[in-house]
Amino acid sequence: MNRTAKVLLVTALVGVVGMAFRVSWNALHDVAKAVGADDDAATLYPFVVDGLMALALIATLVLTDKDDKKRALRVLATYTLASLVLNYVHGLVPDLHGEAVQWG
């Protein structure tokens, strides 16, 4: 794969990960608040779940050792499943829906 194609692929990947992070932000923030996290912790919580998912994705792409790639894929699968479940629960339980986080 040539350099231009790699740059386009990474750019598209970063864009999709950014959009996915923004979409799940409110759900993860609201779930963190529902389980008793304070405002600061609830604000950081989406970075933990989706941030580790993004790091595992990068690790999967960068690592060359087969066993290391498998571990990174397992972490990616685990955190993806966690994010999906938390977003699903947020959608099922209307009481979890708080005010949207203001971004600016």
PDB file of N, CA and C in Angstrom:
ATOM      1  N   MET A   1       0.851  -1.170   0.000  1.00  0.00           N
ATOM      2  CA  MET A   1       0.000   0.000   0.000  1.00  0.00           C
ATOM      3  C   MET A   1       0.897   1.233   0.000  1.00  0.00           C
ATOM      4  N   ASN A   2       0.588   2.176  -0.875  1.00  0.00           N
ATOM      5  CA  ASN A   2       1.429   3.363  -0.957  1.00  0.00           C
ATOM      6  C   ASN A   2       1.137   4.343   0.185  1.00  0.00           C
ATOM      7  N   ARG A   3       2.000   5.315   0.324  1.00  0.00           N
ATOM      8  CA  ARG A   3       1.912   6.263   1.438  1.00  0.00           C
ATOM      9  C   ARG A   3       0.606   7.059   1.435  1.00  0.00           C
ATOM     10  N   THR A   4       0.154   7.500   0.279  1.00  0.00           N
ATOM     11  CA  THR A   4      -1.087   8.283   0.188  1.00  0.00           C
ATOM     12  C   THR A   4      -2.279   7.468   0.673  1.00  0.00           C
ATOM     13  N   ALA A   5      -2.342   6.215   0.277  1.00  0.00           N
ATOM     14  CA  ALA A   5      -3.444   5.352   0.709  1.00  0.00           C
ATOM     15  C   ALA A   5      -3.409   5.142   2.218  1.00  0.00           C
ATOM     16  N   LYS A   6      -2.217   4.979   2.784  1.00  0.00           N
ATOM     17  CA  LYS A   6      -2.094   4.808   4.237  1.00  0.00           C
ATOM     18  C   LYS A   6      -2.559   6.057   4.981  1.00  0.00           C
ATOM     19  N   VAL A   7      -2.149   7.215   4.478  1.00  0.00           N
ATOM     20  CA  VAL A   7      -2.553   8.476   5.113  1.00  0.00           C
ATOM     21  C   VAL A   7      -4.068   8.640   5.044  1.00  0.00           C
ATOM     22  N   LEU A   8      -4.661   8.346   3.901  1.00  0.00           N
ATOM     23  CA  LEU A   8      -6.121   8.439   3.769  1.00  0.00           C
ATOM     24  C   LEU A   8      -6.826   7.456   4.695  1.00  0.00           C
ATOM     25  N   LEU A   9      -6.307   6.249   4.799  1.00  0.00           N
ATOM     26  CA  LEU A   9      -6.904   5.245   5.681  1.00  0.00           C
ATOM     27  C   LEU A   9      -6.845   5.677   7.140  1.00  0.00           C
ATOM     28  N   VAL A  10      -5.696   6.175   7.568  1.00  0.00           N
ATOM     29  CA  VAL A  10      -5.549   6.628   8.955  1.00  0.00           C
ATOM     30  C   VAL A  10      -6.437   7.843   9.214  1.00  0.00           C
ATOM     31  N   THR A  11      -6.513   8.756   8.272  1.00  0.00           N
ATOM     32  CA  THR A  11      -7.371   9.940   8.418  1.00  0.00           C
ATOM     33  C   THR A  11      -8.838   9.534   8.540  1.00  0.00           C
ATOM     34  N   ALA A  12      -9.267   8.612   7.695  1.00  0.00           N
ATOM     35  CA  ALA A  12     -10.651   8.123   7.769  1.00  0.00           C
ATOM     36  C   ALA A  12     -10.899   7.413   9.093  1.00  0.00           C
ATOM     37  N   LEU A  13      -9.943   6.631   9.543  1.00  0.00           N
ATOM     38  CA  LEU A  13     -10.077   5.919  10.808  1.00  0.00           C
ATOM     39  C   LEU A  13     -10.201   6.888  11.974  1.00  0.00           C
ATOM     40  N   VAL A  14      -9.369   7.910  11.989  1.00  0.00           N
ATOM     41  CA  VAL A  14      -9.423   8.919  13.051  1.00  0.00           C
ATOM     42  C   VAL A  14     -10.775   9.636  13.019  1.00  0.00           C
ATOM     43  N   GLY A  15     -11.265   9.944  11.834  1.00  0.00           N
ATOM     44  CA  GLY A  15     -12.574  10.595  11.717  1.00  0.00           C
ATOM     45  C   GLY A  15     -13.709   9.732  12.251  1.00  0.00           C
ATOM     46  N   VAL A  16     -13.709   8.463  11.899  1.00  0.00           N
ATOM     47  CA  VAL A  16     -14.766   7.558  12.364  1.00  0.00           C
ATOM     48  C   VAL A  16     -14.683   7.358  13.871  1.00  0.00           C
ATOM     49  N   VAL A  17     -13.477   7.188  14.391  1.00  0.00           N
ATOM     50  CA  VAL A  17     -13.315   7.027  15.838  1.00  0.00           C
ATOM     51  C   VAL A  17     -13.781   8.289  16.562  1.00  0.00           C
ATOM     52  N   GLY A  18     -13.461   9.457  16.033  1.00  0.00           N
ATOM     53  CA  GLY A  18     -13.912  10.713  16.638  1.00  0.00           C
ATOM     54  C   GLY A  18     -15.423  10.846  16.655  1.00  0.00           C
ATOM     55  N   MET A  19     -16.060  10.483  15.542  1.00  0.00           N
ATOM     56  CA  MET A  19     -17.526  10.544  15.493  1.00  0.00           C
ATOM     57  C   MET A  19     -18.156   9.543  16.452  1.00  0.00           C
ATOM     58  N   ALA A  20     -17.605   8.342  16.510  1.00  0.00           N
ATOM     59  CA  ALA A  20     -18.137   7.324  17.423  1.00  0.00           C
ATOM     60  C   ALA A  20     -17.972   7.763  18.872  1.00  0.00           C
ATOM     61  N   PHE A  21     -16.846   8.377  19.172  1.00  0.00           N
ATOM     62  CA  PHE A  21     -16.611   8.873  20.527  1.00  0.00           C
ATOM     63  C   PHE A  21     -17.649   9.926  20.901  1.00  0.00           C
ATOM     64  N   ARG A  22     -17.907  10.847  19.995  1.00  0.00           N
ATOM     65  CA  ARG A  22     -18.886  11.904  20.270  1.00  0.00           C
ATOM     66  C   ARG A  22     -20.287  11.344  20.428  1.00  0.00           C
ATOM     67  N   VAL A  23     -20.630  10.362  19.627  1.00  0.00           N
ATOM     68  CA  VAL A  23     -21.972   9.775  19.693  1.00  0.00           C
ATOM     69  C   VAL A  23     -22.189   9.085  21.040  1.00  0.00           C
ATOM     70  N   SER A  24     -21.173   8.411  21.549  1.00  0.00           N
ATOM     71  CA  SER A  24     -21.374   7.686  22.806  1.00  0.00           C
ATOM     72  C   SER A  24     -21.047   8.515  24.043  1.00  0.00           C
ATOM     73  N   TRP A  25     -20.584   9.743  23.855  1.00  0.00           N
ATOM     74  CA  TRP A  25     -20.178  10.582  24.990  1.00  0.00           C
ATOM     75  C   TRP A  25     -21.299  10.744  26.022  1.00  0.00           C
ATOM     76  N   ASN A  26     -22.464  11.197  25.606  1.00  0.00           N
ATOM     77  CA  ASN A  26     -23.553  11.462  26.554  1.00  0.00           C
ATOM     78  C   ASN A  26     -23.974  10.201  27.295  1.00  0.00           C
ATOM     79  N   ALA A  27     -24.054   9.089  26.569  1.00  0.00           N
ATOM     80  CA  ALA A  27     -24.471   7.841  27.212  1.00  0.00           C
ATOM     81  C   ALA A  27     -23.478   7.434  28.301  1.00  0.00           C
ATOM     82  N   LEU A  28     -22.204   7.445  27.993  1.00  0.00           N
ATOM     83  CA  LEU A  28     -21.205   7.041  28.987  1.00  0.00           C
ATOM     84  C   LEU A  28     -21.150   8.030  30.152  1.00  0.00           C
ATOM     85  N   HIS A  29     -21.291   9.306  29.854  1.00  0.00           N
ATOM     86  CA  HIS A  29     -21.314  10.326  30.912  1.00  0.00           C
ATOM     87  C   HIS A  29     -22.515  10.107  31.837  1.00  0.00           C
ATOM     88  N   ASP A  30     -23.696   9.878  31.242  1.00  0.00           N
ATOM     89  CA  ASP A  30     -24.908   9.671  32.046  1.00  0.00           C
ATOM     90  C   ASP A  30     -24.831   8.390  32.882  1.00  0.00           C
ATOM     91  N   VAL A  31     -24.272   7.338  32.326  1.00  0.00           N
ATOM     92  CA  VAL A  31     -24.131   6.085  33.070  1.00  0.00           C
ATOM     93  C   VAL A  31     -23.177   6.285  34.244  1.00  0.00           C
ATOM     94  N   ALA A  32     -22.083   6.988  34.022  1.00  0.00           N
ATOM     95  CA  ALA A  32     -21.137   7.261  35.110  1.00  0.00           C
ATOM     96  C   ALA A  32     -21.810   8.058  36.224  1.00  0.00           C
ATOM     97  N   LYS A  33     -22.608   9.063  35.850  1.00  0.00           N
ATOM     98  CA  LYS A  33     -23.338   9.840  36.867  1.00  0.00           C
ATOM     99  C   LYS A  33     -24.335   8.955  37.623  1.00  0.00           C
ATOM    100  N   ALA A  34     -24.979   8.031  36.898  1.00  0.00           N
ATOM    101  CA  ALA A  34     -25.991   7.172  37.518  1.00  0.00           C
ATOM    102  C   ALA A  34     -25.391   6.218  38.546  1.00  0.00           C
ATOM    103  N   VAL A  35     -24.141   5.837  38.358  1.00  0.00           N
ATOM    104  CA  VAL A  35     -23.522   4.931  39.325  1.00  0.00           C
ATOM    105  C   VAL A  35     -22.786   5.678  40.429  1.00  0.00           C
ATOM    106  N   GLY A  36     -22.930   7.007  40.456  1.00  0.00           N
ATOM    107  CA  GLY A  36     -22.418   7.779  41.573  1.00  0.00           C
ATOM    108  C   GLY A  36     -21.130   8.540  41.340  1.00  0.00           C
ATOM    109  N   ALA A  37     -20.681   8.619  40.117  1.00  0.00           N
ATOM    110  CA  ALA A  37     -19.452   9.376  39.839  1.00  0.00           C
ATOM    111  C   ALA A  37     -19.728  10.872  39.964  1.00  0.00           C
ATOM    112  N   ASP A  38     -18.731  11.607  40.464  1.00  0.00           N
ATOM    113  CA  ASP A  38     -18.886  13.057  40.530  1.00  0.00           C
ATOM    114  C   ASP A  38     -18.741  13.643  39.127  1.00  0.00           C
ATOM    115  N   ASP A  39     -18.909  14.953  38.994  1.00  0.00           N
ATOM    116  CA  ASP A  39     -18.887  15.587  37.673  1.00  0.00           C
ATOM    117  C   ASP A  39     -17.568  15.373  36.933  1.00  0.00           C
ATOM    118  N   ASP A  40     -16.455  15.511  37.657  1.00  0.00           N
ATOM    119  CA  ASP A  40     -15.159  15.341  36.995  1.00  0.00           C
ATOM    120  C   ASP A  40     -14.961  13.906  36.523  1.00  0.00           C
ATOM    121  N   ALA A  41     -15.283  12.956  37.376  1.00  0.00           N
ATOM    122  CA  ALA A  41     -15.116  11.549  37.006  1.00  0.00           C
ATOM    123  C   ALA A  41     -16.051  11.172  35.856  1.00  0.00           C
ATOM    124  N   ALA A  42     -17.276  11.677  35.886  1.00  0.00           N
ATOM    125  CA  ALA A  42     -18.225  11.380  34.809  1.00  0.00           C
ATOM    126  C   ALA A  42     -17.758  11.981  33.485  1.00  0.00           C
ATOM    127  N   THR A  43     -17.081  13.114  33.551  1.00  0.00           N
ATOM    128  CA  THR A  43     -16.557  13.729  32.332  1.00  0.00           C
ATOM    129  C   THR A  43     -15.387  12.922  31.776  1.00  0.00           C
ATOM    130  N   LEU A  44     -14.580  12.345  32.648  1.00  0.00           N
ATOM    131  CA  LEU A  44     -13.420  11.564  32.207  1.00  0.00           C
ATOM    132  C   LEU A  44     -13.781  10.133  31.799  1.00  0.00           C
ATOM    133  N   TYR A  45     -14.884   9.614  32.307  1.00  0.00           N
ATOM    134  CA  TYR A  45     -15.248   8.215  32.069  1.00  0.00           C
ATOM    135  C   TYR A  45     -15.327   7.840  30.590  1.00  0.00           C
ATOM    136  N   PRO A  46     -15.929   8.653  29.723  1.00  0.00           N
ATOM    137  CA  PRO A  46     -15.940   8.288  28.294  1.00  0.00           C
ATOM    138  C   PRO A  46     -14.544   8.146  27.694  1.00  0.00           C
ATOM    139  N   PHE A  47     -13.581   8.918  28.219  1.00  0.00           N
ATOM    140  CA  PHE A  47     -12.206   8.777  27.740  1.00  0.00           C
ATOM    141  C   PHE A  47     -11.626   7.415  28.126  1.00  0.00           C
ATOM    142  N   VAL A  48     -12.039   6.890  29.271  1.00  0.00           N
ATOM    143  CA  VAL A  48     -11.539   5.590  29.710  1.00  0.00           C
ATOM    144  C   VAL A  48     -12.048   4.493  28.777  1.00  0.00           C
ATOM    145  N   VAL A  49     -13.343   4.421  28.597  1.00  0.00           N
ATOM    146  CA  VAL A  49     -13.920   3.341  27.793  1.00  0.00           C
ATOM    147  C   VAL A  49     -13.556   3.504  26.319  1.00  0.00           C
ATOM    148  N   ASP A  50     -13.926   4.614  25.726  1.00  0.00           N
ATOM    149  CA  ASP A  50     -13.678   4.798  24.299  1.00  0.00           C
ATOM    150  C   ASP A  50     -12.215   5.113  24.000  1.00  0.00           C
ATOM    151  N   GLY A  51     -11.525   5.720  24.945  1.00  0.00           N
ATOM    152  CA  GLY A  51     -10.106   6.000  24.752  1.00  0.00           C
ATOM    153  C   GLY A  51      -9.277   4.728  24.710  1.00  0.00           C
ATOM    154  N   LEU A  52      -9.577   3.791  25.620  1.00  0.00           N
ATOM    155  CA  LEU A  52      -8.867   2.518  25.582  1.00  0.00           C
ATOM    156  C   LEU A  52      -9.210   1.732  24.325  1.00  0.00           C
ATOM    157  N   MET A  53     -10.431   1.878  23.865  1.00  0.00           N
ATOM    158  CA  MET A  53     -10.821   1.226  22.617  1.00  0.00           C
ATOM    159  C   MET A  53     -10.000   1.797  21.457  1.00  0.00           C
ATOM    160  N   ALA A  54      -9.831   3.097  21.406  1.00  0.00           N
ATOM    161  CA  ALA A  54      -9.046   3.724  20.343  1.00  0.00           C
ATOM    162  C   ALA A  54      -7.575   3.321  20.434  1.00  0.00           C
ATOM    163  N   LEU A  55      -7.029   3.274  21.648  1.00  0.00           N
ATOM    164  CA  LEU A  55      -5.636   2.855  21.812  1.00  0.00           C
ATOM    165  C   LEU A  55      -5.435   1.405  21.385  1.00  0.00           C
ATOM    166  N   ALA A  56      -6.387   0.547  21.711  1.00  0.00           N
ATOM    167  CA  ALA A  56      -6.286  -0.860  21.297  1.00  0.00           C
ATOM    168  C   ALA A  56      -6.352  -0.987  19.778  1.00  0.00           C
ATOM    169  N   LEU A  57      -7.163  -0.149  19.148  1.00  0.00           N
ATOM    170  CA  LEU A  57      -7.234  -0.160  17.681  1.00  0.00           C
ATOM    171  C   LEU A  57      -5.897   0.257  17.080  1.00  0.00           C
ATOM    172  N   ILE A  58      -5.304   1.303  17.622  1.00  0.00           N
ATOM    173  CA  ILE A  58      -3.995   1.750  17.137  1.00  0.00           C
ATOM    174  C   ILE A  58      -2.947   0.661  17.370  1.00  0.00           C
ATOM    175  N   ALA A  59      -2.984   0.048  18.552  1.00  0.00           N
ATOM    176  CA  ALA A  59      -2.033  -1.029  18.857  1.00  0.00           C
ATOM    177  C   ALA A  59      -2.190  -2.193  17.882  1.00  0.00           C
ATOM    178  N   THR A  60      -3.425  -2.520  17.542  1.00  0.00           N
ATOM    179  CA  THR A  60      -3.669  -3.602  16.595  1.00  0.00           C
ATOM    180  C   THR A  60      -3.044  -3.283  15.239  1.00  0.00           C
ATOM    181  N   LEU A  61      -3.118  -2.039  14.828  1.00  0.00           N
ATOM    182  CA  LEU A  61      -2.568  -1.647  13.539  1.00  0.00           C
ATOM    183  C   LEU A  61      -1.045  -1.545  13.551  1.00  0.00           C
ATOM    184  N   VAL A  62      -0.476  -1.177  14.690  1.00  0.00           N
ATOM    185  CA  VAL A  62       0.952  -0.894  14.750  1.00  0.00           C
ATOM    186  C   VAL A  62       1.792  -2.115  15.124  1.00  0.00           C
ATOM    187  N   LEU A  63       1.283  -2.937  16.034  1.00  0.00           N
ATOM    188  CA  LEU A  63       2.081  -4.066  16.518  1.00  0.00           C
ATOM    189  C   LEU A  63       2.315  -5.088  15.419  1.00  0.00           C
ATOM    190  N   THR A  64       3.491  -5.671  15.435  1.00  0.00           N
ATOM    191  CA  THR A  64       3.831  -6.649  14.404  1.00  0.00           C
ATOM    192  C   THR A  64       3.840  -8.084  14.926  1.00  0.00           C
ATOM    193  N   ASP A  65       4.092  -8.279  16.209  1.00  0.00           N
ATOM    194  CA  ASP A  65       4.095  -9.615  16.783  1.00  0.00           C
ATOM    195  C   ASP A  65       2.680 -10.185  16.812  1.00  0.00           C
ATOM    196  N   LYS A  66       2.540 -11.437  16.398  1.00  0.00           N
ATOM    197  CA  LYS A  66       1.216 -12.064  16.287  1.00  0.00           C
ATOM    198  C   LYS A  66       0.494 -12.144  17.637  1.00  0.00           C
ATOM    199  N   ASP A  67       1.221 -12.520  18.695  1.00  0.00           N
ATOM    200  CA  ASP A  67       0.596 -12.614  20.022  1.00  0.00           C
ATOM    201  C   ASP A  67       0.186 -11.246  20.555  1.00  0.00           C
ATOM    202  N   ASP A  68       1.012 -10.246  20.315  1.00  0.00           N
ATOM    203  CA  ASP A  68       0.679  -8.883  20.749  1.00  0.00           C
ATOM    204  C   ASP A  68      -0.560  -8.372  20.019  1.00  0.00           C
ATOM    205  N   LYS A  69      -0.661  -8.665  18.734  1.00  0.00           N
ATOM    206  CA  LYS A  69      -1.854  -8.272  17.959  1.00  0.00           C
ATOM    207  C   LYS A  69      -3.109  -8.935  18.521  1.00  0.00           C
ATOM    208  N   LYS A  70      -2.992 -10.219  18.893  1.00  0.00           N
ATOM    209  CA  LYS A  70      -4.140 -10.935  19.470  1.00  0.00           C
ATOM    210  C   LYS A  70      -4.594 -10.290  20.773  1.00  0.00           C
ATOM    211  N   ARG A  71      -3.624  -9.932  21.615  1.00  0.00           N
ATOM    212  CA  ARG A  71      -3.965  -9.277  22.884  1.00  0.00           C
ATOM    213  C   ARG A  71      -4.648  -7.932  22.637  1.00  0.00           C
ATOM    214  N   ALA A  72      -4.109  -7.179  21.705  1.00  0.00           N
ATOM    215  CA  ALA A  72      -4.701  -5.875  21.389  1.00  0.00           C
ATOM    216  C   ALA A  72      -6.111  -6.059  20.828  1.00  0.00           C
ATOM    217  N   LEU A  73      -6.313  -7.071  19.998  1.00  0.00           N
ATOM    218  CA  LEU A  73      -7.654  -7.340  19.466  1.00  0.00           C
ATOM    219  C   LEU A  73      -8.622  -7.756  20.566  1.00  0.00           C
ATOM    220  N   ARG A  74      -8.141  -8.512  21.547  1.00  0.00           N
ATOM    221  CA  ARG A  74      -9.004  -8.892  22.673  1.00  0.00           C
ATOM    222  C   ARG A  74      -9.414  -7.662  23.486  1.00  0.00           C
ATOM    223  N   VAL A  75      -8.454  -6.770  23.738  1.00  0.00           N
ATOM    224  CA  VAL A  75      -8.769  -5.528  24.455  1.00  0.00           C
ATOM    225  C   VAL A  75      -9.758  -4.702  23.637  1.00  0.00           C
ATOM    226  N   LEU A  76      -9.526  -4.602  22.345  1.00  0.00           N
ATOM    227  CA  LEU A  76     -10.434  -3.859  21.466  1.00  0.00           C
ATOM    228  C   LEU A  76     -11.835  -4.455  21.508  1.00  0.00           C
ATOM    229  N   ALA A  77     -11.940  -5.768  21.417  1.00  0.00           N
ATOM    230  CA  ALA A  77     -13.252  -6.424  21.450  1.00  0.00           C
ATOM    231  C   ALA A  77     -13.937  -6.214  22.796  1.00  0.00           C
ATOM    232  N   THR A  78     -13.187  -6.318  23.879  1.00  0.00           N
ATOM    233  CA  THR A  78     -13.761  -6.159  25.227  1.00  0.00           C
ATOM    234  C   THR A  78     -14.299  -4.748  25.433  1.00  0.00           C
ATOM    235  N   TYR A  79     -13.516  -3.744  25.091  1.00  0.00           N
ATOM    236  CA  TYR A  79     -13.963  -2.363  25.302  1.00  0.00           C
ATOM    237  C   TYR A  79     -15.039  -1.943  24.302  1.00  0.00           C
ATOM    238  N   THR A  80     -15.007  -2.509  23.106  1.00  0.00           N
ATOM    239  CA  THR A  80     -16.090  -2.245  22.157  1.00  0.00           C
ATOM    240  C   THR A  80     -17.393  -2.808  22.696  1.00  0.00           C
ATOM    241  N   LEU A  81     -17.346  -4.036  23.205  1.00  0.00           N
ATOM    242  CA  LEU A  81     -18.542  -4.650  23.782  1.00  0.00           C
ATOM    243  C   LEU A  81     -19.028  -3.850  24.994  1.00  0.00           C
ATOM    244  N   ALA A  82     -18.106  -3.410  25.849  1.00  0.00           N
ATOM    245  CA  ALA A  82     -18.484  -2.606  27.017  1.00  0.00           C
ATOM    246  C   ALA A  82     -19.164  -1.318  26.592  1.00  0.00           C
ATOM    247  N   SER A  83     -18.614  -0.641  25.607  1.00  0.00           N
ATOM    248  CA  SER A  83     -19.205   0.605  25.125  1.00  0.00           C
ATOM    249  C   SER A  83     -20.597   0.359  24.537  1.00  0.00           C
ATOM    250  N   LEU A  84     -20.721  -0.698  23.743  1.00  0.00           N
ATOM    251  CA  LEU A  84     -22.026  -1.012  23.157  1.00  0.00           C
ATOM    252  C   LEU A  84     -23.064  -1.332  24.228  1.00  0.00           C
ATOM    253  N   VAL A  85     -22.683  -2.126  25.220  1.00  0.00           N
ATOM    254  CA  VAL A  85     -23.623  -2.485  26.292  1.00  0.00           C
ATOM    255  C   VAL A  85     -24.035  -1.249  27.081  1.00  0.00           C
ATOM    256  N   LEU A  86     -23.077  -0.401  27.433  1.00  0.00           N
ATOM    257  CA  LEU A  86     -23.406   0.806  28.190  1.00  0.00           C
ATOM    258  C   LEU A  86     -24.294   1.754  27.386  1.00  0.00           C
ATOM    259  N   ASN A  87     -24.028   1.893  26.104  1.00  0.00           N
ATOM    260  CA  ASN A  87     -24.887   2.720  25.252  1.00  0.00           C
ATOM    261  C   ASN A  87     -26.280   2.111  25.128  1.00  0.00           C
ATOM    262  N   TYR A  88     -26.369   0.793  25.032  1.00  0.00           N
ATOM    263  CA  TYR A  88     -27.655   0.102  24.938  1.00  0.00           C
ATOM    264  C   TYR A  88     -28.464   0.289  26.221  1.00  0.00           C
ATOM    265  N   VAL A  89     -27.813   0.102  27.364  1.00  0.00           N
ATOM    266  CA  VAL A  89     -28.491   0.282  28.656  1.00  0.00           C
ATOM    267  C   VAL A  89     -28.969   1.724  28.790  1.00  0.00           C
ATOM    268  N   HIS A  90     -28.160   2.661  28.376  1.00  0.00           N
ATOM    269  CA  HIS A  90     -28.543   4.070  28.424  1.00  0.00           C
ATOM    270  C   HIS A  90     -29.806   4.311  27.606  1.00  0.00           C
ATOM    271  N   GLY A  91     -29.901   3.672  26.462  1.00  0.00           N
ATOM    272  CA  GLY A  91     -31.087   3.830  25.625  1.00  0.00           C
ATOM    273  C   GLY A  91     -32.315   3.171  26.207  1.00  0.00           C
ATOM    274  N   LEU A  92     -32.127   2.085  26.956  1.00  0.00           N
ATOM    275  CA  LEU A  92     -33.257   1.348  27.534  1.00  0.00           C
ATOM    276  C   LEU A  92     -33.851   2.024  28.765  1.00  0.00           C
ATOM    277  N   VAL A  93     -33.021   2.743  29.514  1.00  0.00           N
ATOM    278  CA  VAL A  93     -33.447   3.303  30.794  1.00  0.00           C
ATOM    279  C   VAL A  93     -33.531   4.823  30.675  1.00  0.00           C
ATOM    280  N   PRO A  94     -34.727   5.357  30.417  1.00  0.00           N
ATOM    281  CA  PRO A  94     -34.869   6.805  30.235  1.00  0.00           C
ATOM    282  C   PRO A  94     -34.435   7.631  31.445  1.00  0.00           C
ATOM    283  N   ASP A  95     -34.482   7.050  32.631  1.00  0.00           N
ATOM    284  CA  ASP A  95     -34.079   7.796  33.834  1.00  0.00           C
ATOM    285  C   ASP A  95     -32.587   8.139  33.819  1.00  0.00           C
ATOM    286  N   LEU A  96     -31.804   7.447  33.017  1.00  0.00           N
ATOM    287  CA  LEU A  96     -30.372   7.724  32.950  1.00  0.00           C
ATOM    288  C   LEU A  96     -30.058   8.963  32.128  1.00  0.00           C
ATOM    289  N   HIS A  97     -30.991   9.397  31.318  1.00  0.00           N
ATOM    290  CA  HIS A  97     -30.734  10.516  30.407  1.00  0.00           C
ATOM    291  C   HIS A  97     -30.670  11.826  31.183  1.00  0.00           C
ATOM    292  N   GLY A  98     -29.478  12.377  31.254  1.00  0.00           N
ATOM    293  CA  GLY A  98     -29.297  13.663  31.928  1.00  0.00           C
ATOM    294  C   GLY A  98     -29.201  14.755  30.879  1.00  0.00           C
ATOM    295  N   GLU A  99     -28.809  15.922  31.330  1.00  0.00           N
ATOM    296  CA  GLU A  99     -28.591  17.013  30.390  1.00  0.00           C
ATOM    297  C   GLU A  99     -27.378  16.692  29.523  1.00  0.00           C
ATOM    298  N   ALA A 100     -27.433  17.099  28.289  1.00  0.00           N
ATOM    299  CA  ALA A 100     -26.297  16.892  27.388  1.00  0.00           C
ATOM    300  C   ALA A 100     -25.104  17.703  27.875  1.00  0.00           C
ATOM    301  N   VAL A 101     -23.931  17.150  27.709  1.00  0.00           N
ATOM    302  CA  VAL A 101     -22.717  17.859  28.087  1.00  0.00           C
ATOM    303  C   VAL A 101     -22.492  18.981  27.077  1.00  0.00           C
ATOM    304  N   GLN A 102     -22.257  20.166  27.587  1.00  0.00           N
ATOM    305  CA  GLN A 102     -22.014  21.312  26.718  1.00  0.00           C
ATOM    306  C   GLN A 102     -20.570  21.310  26.261  1.00  0.00           C
ATOM    307  N   TRP A 103     -20.337  21.375  24.967  1.00  0.00           N
ATOM    308  CA  TRP A 103     -18.997  21.265  24.400  1.00  0.00           C
ATOM    309  C   TRP A 103     -18.324  22.603  24.176  1.00  0.00           C
ATOM    310  N   GLY A 104     -18.983  23.679  24.456  1.00  0.00           N
ATOM    311  CA  GLY A 104     -18.308  24.939  24.180  1.00  0.00           C
ATOM    312  C   GLY A 104     -18.803  26.038  25.061  1.00  0.00           C
TER     313      GLY A 104
END
